[in-house]
Amino acid sequence: MAQHFCLLKTDSGGTARAGELVTNHGIISTPVFLPVGSGAVVKTLTPDDVKTLGFKMVLANTYHLYLRPGVDLVERSGGLHKFMAWDGAILTDSGGYQVFSLSPLVKVSDEGVKFRSHIDGSEHFLTPELAVEYQEELGADVIMVLDECSAYGDSFQKVKSAMERTHRWAERCKQAHRRPDQQLFAIVQGGTYSELRKQSVEFLTSLDFPGYAIGGLSVGEPKEMMYAITQETASLLPADKPRYLMGVGSPEDLVEGVAWGIDMFDCALPTRVARNGALFTGRGRKNIRNAVFSQMDMPIDPDCDCYTCRTFSAAYLHHLFKAEELLVYRLATIHNLRFISNLMAKMRNAILDGAFNEFRASFLANYQPTDEDTRVEQKEKWLKRTRKEGG
């Protein structure tokens, strides 16, 4: 198997790593965050915007693209890179999580999963082989196996059954994979059960995939539990393969994930909360809609170098949100993604300089995370709205 990942340095006295992921569309410096462009677009931004913000790799989603506009259309258009005019690297999720979280009706069997579209209610059937075939047709650089994502609170036996089916599907995905120019990553499942996570790692690493994701977390469990499972699972994964934590993107979670040796992250949170007026700063997330910002004649984050902060005051952004001007969704997204891009670059540099532990301590001492109850409530509201509006 070709070597697609080069580990450059592990921080002294810790497990934080800096490396390089080699793809057909460039070398990606890790640790890296992937902006989410589920339907072939990072909402409100152009591909040039995304590149200017410092990103060389984005995520798109097979479930969303399969339902709309259709994989065949994307393939006829020259593949996903050409279709969305993005010349950087792309990772496509198989759509397994979306099937289980968005579809109003799901019936799973060893053969595959039958589901109804959350857009129009039409019925579809997805198998591991089709998940790979669709991703090959889309032409992403990194593709994912089809997995069964169990819900937080499921019984041990139910989670175990989903994990074992995920393993069988992973074998079938690997057998079906034909394109050598794509890297197929496996997904570790097992819910919040340590013994299942260990079993999943042991089984999937025996199949020798080029990379491994940790799935099934940040789905409603307490953050402390997510942290513990992530740290433990990451420590079991091969050191010479990229480690990808799926669906996690709060600044404090990124810092902790990097500390545990995670190389790749994706999450819609930075762009989603931006469109709702929540902007990242070095001291935590700020709600620009609050009256305190109506008279603030300075940037929301004076330390930020993004276009939004270099050009506009917090008072102007507050006004735009209150007036529901469309421009503000773009400006807020630019800011949040630039904050994340800068955060990832600072962590990588700290690792290379042997100073990550100091950076981590300083960041966490100053950054005020969102209240846990508020975080869970916001995610539930987003899921309900997504199901209602069709993505």
Protein backbone atom coordinates (compact mmCIF):
# COMPACT_ATOMS: atom_id res chain seq x y z
CA MET A 1 0.00 0.00 0.00
CA ALA A 2 1.31 3.45 -0.95
CA GLN A 3 2.38 5.72 1.90
CA HIS A 4 -0.13 8.56 2.14
CA PHE A 5 0.74 9.95 5.56
CA CYS A 6 4.01 11.24 6.91
CA LEU A 7 4.35 11.90 10.63
CA LEU A 8 6.80 14.77 11.07
CA LYS A 9 6.84 15.31 14.81
CA THR A 10 5.14 14.30 18.04
CA ASP A 11 5.22 16.95 20.75
CA SER A 12 7.71 16.16 23.49
CA GLY A 13 6.00 14.84 26.59
CA GLY A 14 2.65 14.39 24.86
CA THR A 15 0.79 12.84 21.94
CA ALA A 16 0.01 15.89 19.78
CA ARG A 17 1.23 15.26 16.22
CA ALA A 18 2.20 17.28 13.15
CA GLY A 19 2.23 15.50 9.81
CA GLU A 20 1.35 15.58 6.14
CA LEU A 21 -1.48 13.84 4.33
CA VAL A 22 -0.60 13.24 0.68
CA THR A 23 -3.54 13.47 -1.75
CA ASN A 24 -3.98 13.82 -5.50
CA HIS A 25 -4.91 17.45 -4.95
CA GLY A 26 -2.07 18.52 -2.73
CA ILE A 27 -0.25 17.83 0.51
CA ILE A 28 -2.38 18.64 3.54
CA SER A 29 -0.61 19.78 6.69
CA THR A 30 -1.97 18.20 9.84
CA PRO A 31 -3.56 18.67 12.29
CA VAL A 32 -6.24 19.93 9.93
CA PHE A 33 -9.87 21.03 10.11
CA LEU A 34 -12.14 20.40 7.13
CA PRO A 35 -14.90 22.96 6.51
CA VAL A 36 -18.17 21.19 5.77
CA GLY A 37 -19.63 21.58 2.28
CA SER A 38 -22.20 18.78 2.46
CA GLY A 39 -23.99 19.71 -0.77
CA ALA A 40 -20.83 20.76 -2.67
CA VAL A 41 -20.71 24.22 -1.10
CA VAL A 42 -19.42 25.74 2.11
CA LYS A 43 -22.49 27.82 2.85
CA THR A 44 -22.22 31.54 1.89
CA LEU A 45 -18.63 31.20 0.60
CA THR A 46 -16.95 30.78 -2.80
CA PRO A 47 -14.13 28.28 -3.30
CA ASP A 48 -11.70 31.21 -3.48
CA ASP A 49 -12.98 32.43 -0.11
CA VAL A 50 -12.33 29.04 1.45
CA LYS A 51 -8.82 28.93 0.00
CA THR A 52 -8.04 32.49 1.14
CA LEU A 53 -9.09 31.55 4.67
CA GLY A 54 -6.29 28.99 4.71
CA PHE A 55 -8.04 25.71 3.89
CA LYS A 56 -6.77 23.16 1.37
CA MET A 57 -9.28 20.40 2.04
CA VAL A 58 -13.06 20.35 2.48
CA LEU A 59 -15.73 17.76 3.24
CA ALA A 60 -18.72 16.89 1.08
CA ASN A 61 -21.42 14.35 1.86
CA THR A 62 -22.52 11.42 -0.28
CA TYR A 63 -26.02 11.29 1.24
CA HIS A 64 -26.78 14.91 0.35
CA LEU A 65 -25.20 14.73 -3.12
CA TYR A 66 -26.93 11.44 -3.92
CA LEU A 67 -30.33 12.93 -3.11
CA ARG A 68 -29.63 16.30 -4.73
CA PRO A 69 -28.43 16.91 -7.47
CA GLY A 70 -27.58 13.20 -7.96
CA VAL A 71 -24.24 11.42 -8.24
CA ASP A 72 -24.70 10.82 -11.98
CA LEU A 73 -24.99 14.53 -12.69
CA VAL A 74 -21.84 15.30 -10.69
CA GLU A 75 -19.93 12.56 -12.53
CA ARG A 76 -21.12 13.82 -15.94
CA SER A 77 -19.95 17.29 -14.92
CA GLY A 78 -16.40 16.01 -14.56
CA GLY A 79 -16.46 14.94 -10.93
CA LEU A 80 -16.92 16.79 -7.67
CA HIS A 81 -13.79 18.95 -7.94
CA LYS A 82 -14.87 20.40 -11.27
CA PHE A 83 -18.54 20.56 -10.33
CA MET A 84 -17.88 22.77 -7.29
CA ALA A 85 -14.81 24.50 -8.79
CA TRP A 86 -12.54 23.40 -5.95
CA ASP A 87 -8.96 22.42 -6.85
CA GLY A 88 -7.98 21.40 -3.34
CA ALA A 89 -8.51 18.03 -1.69
CA ILE A 90 -11.96 16.65 -0.86
CA LEU A 91 -13.11 14.05 1.65
CA THR A 92 -16.56 12.57 1.19
CA ASP A 93 -18.45 10.99 4.06
CA SER A 94 -20.36 7.87 3.02
CA GLY A 95 -23.63 9.33 4.31
CA GLY A 96 -24.18 6.71 6.99
CA TYR A 97 -24.59 9.23 9.81
CA GLN A 98 -27.03 11.32 7.77
CA VAL A 99 -29.12 8.26 6.89
CA PHE A 100 -29.55 7.43 10.57
CA SER A 101 -29.97 11.00 11.83
CA LEU A 102 -32.00 12.72 9.10
CA SER A 103 -34.16 10.07 7.47
CA PRO A 104 -37.71 9.84 8.87
CA LEU A 105 -37.73 6.06 8.36
CA VAL A 106 -34.75 3.66 8.47
CA LYS A 107 -34.65 -0.11 8.16
CA VAL A 108 -31.20 -1.63 8.52
CA SER A 109 -30.08 -5.16 7.65
CA ASP A 110 -26.79 -6.84 6.93
CA GLU A 111 -27.35 -6.19 3.23
CA GLY A 112 -27.67 -2.43 3.67
CA VAL A 113 -30.00 0.31 4.84
CA LYS A 114 -33.39 1.29 3.47
CA PHE A 115 -34.33 4.90 4.14
CA ARG A 116 -36.65 7.68 3.09
CA SER A 117 -35.32 10.99 1.84
CA HIS A 118 -35.74 13.82 4.33
CA ILE A 119 -36.33 16.05 1.30
CA ASP A 120 -39.29 14.42 -0.45
CA GLY A 121 -39.97 11.14 1.35
CA SER A 122 -38.82 8.96 -1.56
CA GLU A 123 -37.47 5.51 -0.66
CA HIS A 124 -33.85 4.49 -1.25
CA PHE A 125 -31.55 1.57 -0.47
CA LEU A 126 -27.85 2.00 0.28
CA THR A 127 -25.34 -0.85 0.49
CA PRO A 128 -21.64 -0.72 1.36
CA GLU A 129 -20.82 -1.41 -2.29
CA LEU A 130 -23.04 1.43 -3.49
CA ALA A 131 -21.55 3.82 -0.92
CA VAL A 132 -18.09 3.12 -2.37
CA GLU A 133 -19.34 3.25 -5.96
CA TYR A 134 -20.99 6.63 -5.45
CA GLN A 135 -17.88 8.07 -3.81
CA GLU A 136 -15.69 6.74 -6.60
CA GLU A 137 -17.98 8.45 -9.11
CA LEU A 138 -17.83 11.69 -7.14
CA GLY A 139 -14.03 11.47 -7.30
CA ALA A 140 -13.04 12.60 -3.80
CA ASP A 141 -9.46 12.16 -2.58
CA VAL A 142 -10.45 10.46 0.69
CA ILE A 143 -13.63 8.40 0.98
CA MET A 144 -15.29 6.67 3.92
CA VAL A 145 -16.75 3.22 4.52
CA LEU A 146 -20.47 2.89 5.21
CA ASP A 147 -21.05 2.50 8.95
CA GLU A 148 -23.97 2.12 11.31
CA CYS A 149 -23.98 4.91 13.86
CA SER A 150 -25.75 3.96 17.08
CA ALA A 151 -27.49 6.57 19.21
CA TYR A 152 -26.32 7.74 22.61
CA GLY A 153 -28.19 5.75 25.24
CA ASP A 154 -28.50 2.58 23.15
CA SER A 155 -27.98 -0.66 25.07
CA PHE A 156 -24.64 -2.45 25.05
CA GLN A 157 -26.07 -5.22 22.87
CA LYS A 158 -27.53 -2.79 20.35
CA VAL A 159 -24.27 -0.85 20.09
CA LYS A 160 -22.32 -4.11 19.77
CA SER A 161 -24.61 -5.28 16.97
CA ALA A 162 -24.17 -1.97 15.11
CA MET A 163 -20.40 -2.14 15.56
CA GLU A 164 -20.20 -5.70 14.21
CA ARG A 165 -22.33 -4.74 11.22
CA THR A 166 -20.01 -1.77 10.66
CA HIS A 167 -17.09 -4.22 10.59
CA ARG A 168 -18.78 -6.46 8.03
CA TRP A 169 -19.61 -3.44 5.92
CA ALA A 170 -16.01 -2.21 6.17
CA GLU A 171 -14.79 -5.51 4.73
CA ARG A 172 -17.26 -5.23 1.87
CA CYS A 173 -16.31 -1.61 1.21
CA LYS A 174 -12.65 -2.55 1.00
CA GLN A 175 -13.40 -5.38 -1.42
CA ALA A 176 -15.53 -3.07 -3.57
CA HIS A 177 -13.00 -0.24 -3.68
CA ARG A 178 -11.37 0.01 -7.12
CA ARG A 179 -9.75 3.45 -7.47
CA PRO A 180 -6.10 3.49 -6.33
CA ASP A 181 -6.09 7.29 -6.44
CA GLN A 182 -8.55 7.40 -3.54
CA GLN A 183 -7.85 6.60 0.09
CA LEU A 184 -10.59 4.60 1.83
CA PHE A 185 -10.78 5.21 5.58
CA ALA A 186 -12.45 2.89 8.09
CA ILE A 187 -14.67 4.15 10.93
CA VAL A 188 -14.27 2.94 14.50
CA GLN A 189 -17.61 2.50 16.28
CA GLY A 190 -18.63 1.18 19.69
CA GLY A 191 -20.54 4.04 21.26
CA THR A 192 -19.41 4.98 24.76
CA TYR A 193 -18.30 1.44 25.65
CA SER A 194 -14.52 1.22 26.01
CA GLU A 195 -14.37 -2.53 25.42
CA LEU A 196 -16.30 -2.17 22.16
CA ARG A 197 -14.08 0.66 20.97
CA LYS A 198 -11.04 -1.54 21.61
CA GLN A 199 -12.61 -4.43 19.71
CA SER A 200 -13.45 -2.13 16.81
CA VAL A 201 -9.90 -0.78 16.60
CA GLU A 202 -8.42 -4.29 16.70
CA PHE A 203 -10.69 -5.59 13.95
CA LEU A 204 -10.40 -2.62 11.59
CA THR A 205 -6.64 -2.19 11.93
CA SER A 206 -6.24 -5.87 11.00
CA LEU A 207 -7.70 -4.93 7.60
CA ASP A 208 -4.95 -2.33 7.07
CA PHE A 209 -6.86 0.73 5.87
CA PRO A 210 -4.82 3.84 4.97
CA GLY A 211 -6.60 5.87 7.66
CA TYR A 212 -8.99 5.52 10.59
CA ALA A 213 -11.85 7.69 11.76
CA ILE A 214 -13.50 7.77 15.17
CA GLY A 215 -17.23 7.95 14.57
CA GLY A 216 -20.36 7.89 16.70
CA LEU A 217 -19.31 10.64 19.12
CA SER A 218 -20.64 14.16 19.72
CA VAL A 219 -24.15 12.72 19.26
CA GLY A 220 -25.60 13.81 22.60
CA GLU A 221 -23.27 12.27 25.17
CA PRO A 222 -21.71 14.49 27.87
CA LYS A 223 -18.56 16.20 26.71
CA GLU A 224 -16.44 14.58 29.40
CA MET A 225 -17.52 11.17 28.13
CA MET A 226 -16.71 12.13 24.53
CA TYR A 227 -13.28 13.31 25.66
CA ALA A 228 -12.53 10.09 27.53
CA ILE A 229 -13.59 7.80 24.66
CA THR A 230 -11.72 9.87 22.07
CA GLN A 231 -8.50 9.91 24.08
CA GLU A 232 -8.64 6.20 24.78
CA THR A 233 -9.51 5.23 21.19
CA ALA A 234 -6.89 7.50 19.63
CA SER A 235 -4.19 5.89 21.77
CA LEU A 236 -5.04 2.50 20.24
CA LEU A 237 -4.82 3.58 16.59
CA PRO A 238 -1.67 3.07 14.50
CA ALA A 239 0.87 5.86 14.82
CA ASP A 240 1.72 5.79 11.12
CA LYS A 241 -1.85 6.32 9.88
CA PRO A 242 -4.00 9.47 10.01
CA ARG A 243 -6.56 9.65 12.83
CA TYR A 244 -9.80 11.45 12.03
CA LEU A 245 -12.35 12.57 14.65
CA MET A 246 -15.66 13.00 12.84
CA GLY A 247 -18.19 15.74 13.59
CA VAL A 248 -16.23 17.68 16.22
CA GLY A 249 -15.41 21.36 15.76
CA SER A 250 -15.71 23.52 18.89
CA PRO A 251 -12.40 25.36 19.44
CA GLU A 252 -11.82 23.77 22.86
CA ASP A 253 -12.60 20.32 21.41
CA LEU A 254 -10.10 20.83 18.61
CA VAL A 255 -7.37 21.75 21.08
CA GLU A 256 -8.11 18.72 23.25
CA GLY A 257 -8.40 16.42 20.22
CA VAL A 258 -5.00 17.51 18.94
CA ALA A 259 -3.57 16.92 22.41
CA TRP A 260 -4.71 13.29 22.16
CA GLY A 261 -3.10 12.72 18.77
CA ILE A 262 -6.01 13.42 16.39
CA ASP A 263 -4.90 14.60 12.94
CA MET A 264 -8.16 15.46 11.15
CA PHE A 265 -11.47 17.04 12.13
CA ASP A 266 -14.66 18.16 10.43
CA CYS A 267 -17.80 19.83 11.71
CA ALA A 268 -20.58 22.13 10.50
CA LEU A 269 -20.60 23.93 13.86
CA PRO A 270 -18.30 26.89 13.00
CA THR A 271 -20.35 27.82 9.94
CA ARG A 272 -23.73 26.93 11.45
CA VAL A 273 -23.32 29.02 14.60
CA ALA A 274 -21.87 31.88 12.52
CA ARG A 275 -25.15 32.14 10.61
CA ASN A 276 -26.90 32.40 13.97
CA GLY A 277 -24.70 35.23 15.23
CA ALA A 278 -22.26 33.26 17.39
CA LEU A 279 -18.70 34.40 16.68
CA PHE A 280 -15.50 32.86 18.01
CA THR A 281 -12.95 34.92 19.90
CA GLY A 282 -9.93 34.02 21.98
CA ARG A 283 -12.10 34.32 25.09
CA GLY A 284 -15.01 32.25 23.87
CA ARG A 285 -18.07 32.42 21.65
CA LYS A 286 -19.85 35.80 21.52
CA ASN A 287 -23.44 36.41 20.46
CA ILE A 288 -23.20 39.43 18.18
CA ARG A 289 -26.97 39.93 18.46
CA ASN A 290 -26.61 41.00 22.11
CA ALA A 291 -27.20 44.69 22.81
CA VAL A 292 -23.73 45.10 24.31
CA PHE A 293 -22.29 45.02 20.77
CA SER A 294 -24.63 47.66 19.31
CA GLN A 295 -22.22 50.48 20.23
CA MET A 296 -18.90 48.60 19.93
CA ASP A 297 -16.81 50.60 17.47
CA MET A 298 -14.11 47.96 17.09
CA PRO A 299 -13.87 44.43 15.65
CA ILE A 300 -15.55 41.55 17.46
CA ASP A 301 -12.04 40.11 17.85
CA PRO A 302 -9.24 42.71 17.61
CA ASP A 303 -6.65 39.91 17.34
CA CYS A 304 -8.26 38.37 14.24
CA ASP A 305 -6.82 39.03 10.76
CA CYS A 306 -9.91 38.02 8.75
CA TYR A 307 -11.58 40.34 6.23
CA THR A 308 -14.55 40.84 8.53
CA CYS A 309 -12.48 41.99 11.50
CA ARG A 310 -10.13 44.09 9.35
CA THR A 311 -13.05 45.91 7.75
CA PHE A 312 -16.10 46.11 10.02
CA SER A 313 -16.95 46.96 13.61
CA ALA A 314 -18.94 44.75 15.93
CA ALA A 315 -21.63 47.44 15.91
CA TYR A 316 -21.98 47.08 12.13
CA LEU A 317 -22.28 43.29 12.36
CA HIS A 318 -24.86 43.70 15.14
CA HIS A 319 -26.85 46.04 12.89
CA LEU A 320 -26.71 43.61 9.96
CA PHE A 321 -27.97 40.72 12.07
CA LYS A 322 -30.78 42.81 13.52
CA ALA A 323 -31.77 43.92 10.01
CA GLU A 324 -31.40 40.33 8.70
CA GLU A 325 -29.15 41.51 5.88
CA LEU A 326 -27.82 38.58 3.85
CA LEU A 327 -24.26 39.92 3.83
CA VAL A 328 -23.82 39.25 7.52
CA TYR A 329 -24.06 35.47 7.13
CA ARG A 330 -21.08 35.59 4.80
CA LEU A 331 -19.10 37.95 7.03
CA ALA A 332 -19.74 35.86 10.13
CA THR A 333 -18.77 32.64 8.34
CA ILE A 334 -15.55 34.22 7.09
CA HIS A 335 -14.65 35.18 10.65
CA ASN A 336 -15.40 31.84 12.28
CA LEU A 337 -13.58 29.79 9.67
CA ARG A 338 -10.55 32.09 9.78
CA PHE A 339 -10.51 31.72 13.56
CA ILE A 340 -10.45 27.94 13.17
CA SER A 341 -7.83 28.08 10.42
CA ASN A 342 -5.56 30.23 12.58
CA LEU A 343 -6.13 27.95 15.57
CA MET A 344 -5.06 24.87 13.61
CA ALA A 345 -1.97 26.66 12.27
CA LYS A 346 -0.99 27.83 15.76
CA MET A 347 -1.31 24.30 17.12
CA ARG A 348 0.76 22.82 14.31
CA ASN A 349 3.50 25.42 14.81
CA ALA A 350 3.47 24.82 18.56
CA ILE A 351 3.91 21.08 17.99
CA LEU A 352 6.80 21.65 15.60
CA ASP A 353 8.38 24.05 18.11
CA GLY A 354 7.94 21.59 20.98
CA ALA A 355 5.64 24.01 22.81
CA PHE A 356 2.16 22.52 22.36
CA ASN A 357 1.48 21.87 26.05
CA GLU A 358 2.15 25.53 26.82
CA PHE A 359 -0.10 26.63 23.97
CA ARG A 360 -2.87 24.33 25.12
CA ALA A 361 -2.71 25.54 28.71
CA SER A 362 -2.76 29.19 27.63
CA PHE A 363 -5.66 28.72 25.22
CA LEU A 364 -7.84 26.78 27.65
CA ALA A 365 -7.13 29.27 30.45
CA ASN A 366 -8.52 32.10 28.35
CA TYR A 367 -11.27 30.42 26.30
CA GLN A 368 -14.71 30.13 27.90
CA PRO A 369 -16.57 27.13 26.40
CA THR A 370 -20.29 27.19 25.71
CA ASP A 371 -22.42 25.92 28.58
CA GLU A 372 -23.05 22.16 28.21
CA ASP A 373 -26.85 22.41 28.43
CA THR A 374 -26.88 25.21 25.87
CA ARG A 375 -24.66 23.18 23.54
CA VAL A 376 -26.97 20.16 23.62
CA GLU A 377 -30.08 22.32 23.19
CA GLN A 378 -28.59 24.11 20.17
CA LYS A 379 -27.67 20.84 18.48
CA GLU A 380 -31.17 19.45 18.97
CA LYS A 381 -32.70 22.60 17.47
CA TRP A 382 -30.37 22.32 14.48
CA LEU A 383 -31.26 18.68 13.86
CA LYS A 384 -34.98 19.42 14.03
CA ARG A 385 -34.64 22.36 11.66
CA THR A 386 -32.49 20.36 9.25
CA ARG A 387 -35.07 17.56 9.08
CA LYS A 388 -37.87 20.08 8.55
CA GLU A 389 -36.13 22.20 5.93
CA GLY A 390 -34.46 19.37 4.03
CA GLY A 391 -30.79 20.04 4.90
